[in-house]
Amino acid sequence: MGINERRAREKEVLRRSILNAASELILEEGYQSLSIRKLAEWIEYSRSTIYLYFQDKADILSTICQEAFAALSEKLDHIHAEEPDPRTALRQGLHCYMEWGLTHPNH
């Protein structure tokens, strides 16, 4: 494995830690209180480091939402692919959606 691959992995780890920290901060204080400055303090990096990965607060929030709903969509797609009966698939999909909402109330 070369230097470029290691750097790419390290960048992805830091990007993921920024998103995880932002999610935790949102859960604790609400999305209104999320700021780049507060997030930088939370993860003990400079604000400029965060800007290397995200354009602004809205970009971070958008990424968190996209990832959360992509996970839900994947579950719903799996139900659709596995269940041939449309009524059963709809019922299972609705159940999956409700369960997801109950287990992820802040999303």
C-alpha atoms as a PDB file:
ATOM      1  CA  MET A   1       0.000   0.000   0.000  1.00  0.00           C
ATOM      2  CA  GLY A   2       1.405   3.364  -0.995  1.00  0.00           C
ATOM      3  CA  ILE A   3       1.474   6.783   0.542  1.00  0.00           C
ATOM      4  CA  ASN A   4      -1.464   8.011  -1.543  1.00  0.00           C
ATOM      5  CA  GLU A   5      -3.719   5.198  -0.341  1.00  0.00           C
ATOM      6  CA  ARG A   6      -2.751   5.833   3.284  1.00  0.00           C
ATOM      7  CA  ARG A   7      -3.443   9.560   2.923  1.00  0.00           C
ATOM      8  CA  ALA A   8      -6.805   8.852   1.306  1.00  0.00           C
ATOM      9  CA  ARG A   9      -7.731   6.573   4.227  1.00  0.00           C
ATOM     10  CA  GLU A  10      -6.609   9.181   6.755  1.00  0.00           C
ATOM     11  CA  LYS A  11      -8.673  11.858   5.001  1.00  0.00           C
ATOM     12  CA  GLU A  12     -11.741   9.636   5.038  1.00  0.00           C
ATOM     13  CA  VAL A  13     -11.235   8.880   8.743  1.00  0.00           C
ATOM     14  CA  LEU A  14     -11.038  12.596   9.541  1.00  0.00           C
ATOM     15  CA  ARG A  15     -14.054  13.383   7.348  1.00  0.00           C
ATOM     16  CA  ARG A  16     -16.022  10.658   9.132  1.00  0.00           C
ATOM     17  CA  SER A  17     -14.957  11.963  12.548  1.00  0.00           C
ATOM     18  CA  ILE A  18     -16.127  15.464  11.588  1.00  0.00           C
ATOM     19  CA  LEU A  19     -19.521  14.085  10.562  1.00  0.00           C
ATOM     20  CA  ASN A  20     -19.792  11.933  13.696  1.00  0.00           C
ATOM     21  CA  ALA A  21     -18.883  14.879  15.923  1.00  0.00           C
ATOM     22  CA  ALA A  22     -21.402  17.098  14.128  1.00  0.00           C
ATOM     23  CA  SER A  23     -24.096  14.462  14.625  1.00  0.00           C
ATOM     24  CA  GLU A  24     -23.283  14.195  18.340  1.00  0.00           C
ATOM     25  CA  LEU A  25     -23.292  17.963  18.723  1.00  0.00           C
ATOM     26  CA  ILE A  26     -26.649  18.197  16.979  1.00  0.00           C
ATOM     27  CA  LEU A  27     -28.104  15.482  19.210  1.00  0.00           C
ATOM     28  CA  GLU A  28     -26.893  17.213  22.355  1.00  0.00           C
ATOM     29  CA  GLU A  29     -27.570  20.855  21.500  1.00  0.00           C
ATOM     30  CA  GLY A  30     -29.783  20.919  18.408  1.00  0.00           C
ATOM     31  CA  TYR A  31     -28.863  21.709  14.835  1.00  0.00           C
ATOM     32  CA  GLN A  32     -29.312  25.461  15.388  1.00  0.00           C
ATOM     33  CA  SER A  33     -26.334  25.525  17.728  1.00  0.00           C
ATOM     34  CA  LEU A  34     -24.007  23.744  15.299  1.00  0.00           C
ATOM     35  CA  SER A  35     -21.263  26.024  14.072  1.00  0.00           C
ATOM     36  CA  ILE A  36     -17.932  25.412  12.414  1.00  0.00           C
ATOM     37  CA  ARG A  37     -16.192  27.042  15.364  1.00  0.00           C
ATOM     38  CA  LYS A  38     -17.956  24.855  17.929  1.00  0.00           C
ATOM     39  CA  LEU A  39     -17.371  21.761  15.825  1.00  0.00           C
ATOM     40  CA  ALA A  40     -13.661  22.574  15.507  1.00  0.00           C
ATOM     41  CA  GLU A  41     -13.394  22.921  19.274  1.00  0.00           C
ATOM     42  CA  TRP A  42     -15.304  19.665  19.736  1.00  0.00           C
ATOM     43  CA  ILE A  43     -12.913  17.625  17.567  1.00  0.00           C
ATOM     44  CA  GLU A  44      -9.831  19.666  18.565  1.00  0.00           C
ATOM     45  CA  TYR A  45      -8.921  20.722  15.030  1.00  0.00           C
ATOM     46  CA  SER A  46      -8.760  24.135  13.442  1.00  0.00           C
ATOM     47  CA  ARG A  47     -11.742  25.564  11.588  1.00  0.00           C
ATOM     48  CA  SER A  48      -9.681  25.617   8.406  1.00  0.00           C
ATOM     49  CA  THR A  49      -9.316  21.830   8.645  1.00  0.00           C
ATOM     50  CA  ILE A  50     -13.090  21.436   8.556  1.00  0.00           C
ATOM     51  CA  TYR A  51     -13.262  23.726   5.520  1.00  0.00           C
ATOM     52  CA  LEU A  52     -10.929  21.347   3.693  1.00  0.00           C
ATOM     53  CA  TYR A  53     -13.716  18.753   3.833  1.00  0.00           C
ATOM     54  CA  PHE A  54     -16.934  20.792   3.820  1.00  0.00           C
ATOM     55  CA  GLN A  55     -17.917  24.146   2.346  1.00  0.00           C
ATOM     56  CA  ASP A  56     -19.959  25.276   5.335  1.00  0.00           C
ATOM     57  CA  LYS A  57     -22.435  24.231   8.016  1.00  0.00           C
ATOM     58  CA  ALA A  58     -25.127  23.591   5.419  1.00  0.00           C
ATOM     59  CA  ASP A  59     -22.822  21.189   3.576  1.00  0.00           C
ATOM     60  CA  ILE A  60     -22.242  19.229   6.792  1.00  0.00           C
ATOM     61  CA  LEU A  61     -25.974  19.075   7.566  1.00  0.00           C
ATOM     62  CA  SER A  62     -26.765  18.057   4.008  1.00  0.00           C
ATOM     63  CA  THR A  63     -24.192  15.257   4.113  1.00  0.00           C
ATOM     64  CA  ILE A  64     -25.553  13.941   7.416  1.00  0.00           C
ATOM     65  CA  CYS A  65     -29.094  13.920   6.002  1.00  0.00           C
ATOM     66  CA  GLN A  66     -28.038  12.312   2.728  1.00  0.00           C
ATOM     67  CA  GLU A  67     -26.219   9.514   4.523  1.00  0.00           C
ATOM     68  CA  ALA A  68     -29.093   8.900   6.940  1.00  0.00           C
ATOM     69  CA  PHE A  69     -31.707   8.714   4.215  1.00  0.00           C
ATOM     70  CA  ALA A  70     -29.434   6.648   1.968  1.00  0.00           C
ATOM     71  CA  ALA A  71     -29.331   4.023   4.728  1.00  0.00           C
ATOM     72  CA  LEU A  72     -33.134   4.074   4.957  1.00  0.00           C
ATOM     73  CA  SER A  73     -33.457   3.904   1.183  1.00  0.00           C
ATOM     74  CA  GLU A  74     -31.158   0.891   1.085  1.00  0.00           C
ATOM     75  CA  LYS A  75     -33.399  -0.957   3.544  1.00  0.00           C
ATOM     76  CA  LEU A  76     -36.503  -0.072   1.547  1.00  0.00           C
ATOM     77  CA  ASP A  77     -34.843  -1.131  -1.712  1.00  0.00           C
ATOM     78  CA  HIS A  78     -33.960  -4.474  -0.148  1.00  0.00           C
ATOM     79  CA  ILE A  79     -37.597  -5.032   0.833  1.00  0.00           C
ATOM     80  CA  HIS A  80     -38.746  -4.108  -2.677  1.00  0.00           C
ATOM     81  CA  ALA A  81     -36.246  -6.507  -4.266  1.00  0.00           C
ATOM     82  CA  GLU A  82     -37.012  -9.428  -1.957  1.00  0.00           C
ATOM     83  CA  GLU A  83     -40.800  -9.236  -1.699  1.00  0.00           C
ATOM     84  CA  PRO A  84     -42.729 -10.062  -4.899  1.00  0.00           C
ATOM     85  CA  ASP A  85     -46.191  -9.182  -3.505  1.00  0.00           C
ATOM     86  CA  PRO A  86     -46.716  -5.391  -3.744  1.00  0.00           C
ATOM     87  CA  ARG A  87     -49.085  -5.240  -0.762  1.00  0.00           C
ATOM     88  CA  THR A  88     -46.706  -7.166   1.468  1.00  0.00           C
ATOM     89  CA  ALA A  89     -43.785  -5.071   0.236  1.00  0.00           C
ATOM     90  CA  LEU A  90     -45.728  -1.882   0.984  1.00  0.00           C
ATOM     91  CA  ARG A  91     -46.659  -3.129   4.446  1.00  0.00           C
ATOM     92  CA  GLN A  92     -43.059  -4.139   5.200  1.00  0.00           C
ATOM     93  CA  GLY A  93     -41.776  -0.854   3.804  1.00  0.00           C
ATOM     94  CA  LEU A  94     -44.116   1.180   5.981  1.00  0.00           C
ATOM     95  CA  HIS A  95     -43.141  -0.881   9.003  1.00  0.00           C
ATOM     96  CA  CYS A  96     -39.453  -0.348   8.166  1.00  0.00           C
ATOM     97  CA  TYR A  97     -40.002   3.406   7.775  1.00  0.00           C
ATOM     98  CA  MET A  98     -41.811   3.688  11.114  1.00  0.00           C
ATOM     99  CA  GLU A  99     -39.170   1.585  12.877  1.00  0.00           C
ATOM    100  CA  TRP A 100     -36.413   3.699  11.378  1.00  0.00           C
ATOM    101  CA  GLY A 101     -38.153   6.878  12.487  1.00  0.00           C
ATOM    102  CA  LEU A 102     -38.563   5.585  16.008  1.00  0.00           C
ATOM    103  CA  THR A 103     -34.928   4.493  16.274  1.00  0.00           C
ATOM    104  CA  HIS A 104     -33.653   7.730  14.667  1.00  0.00           C
ATOM    105  CA  PRO A 105     -35.988  10.382  16.104  1.00  0.00           C
ATOM    106  CA  ASN A 106     -33.511  13.230  15.623  1.00  0.00           C
ATOM    107  CA  HIS A 107     -33.079  12.595  11.927  1.00  0.00           C
END
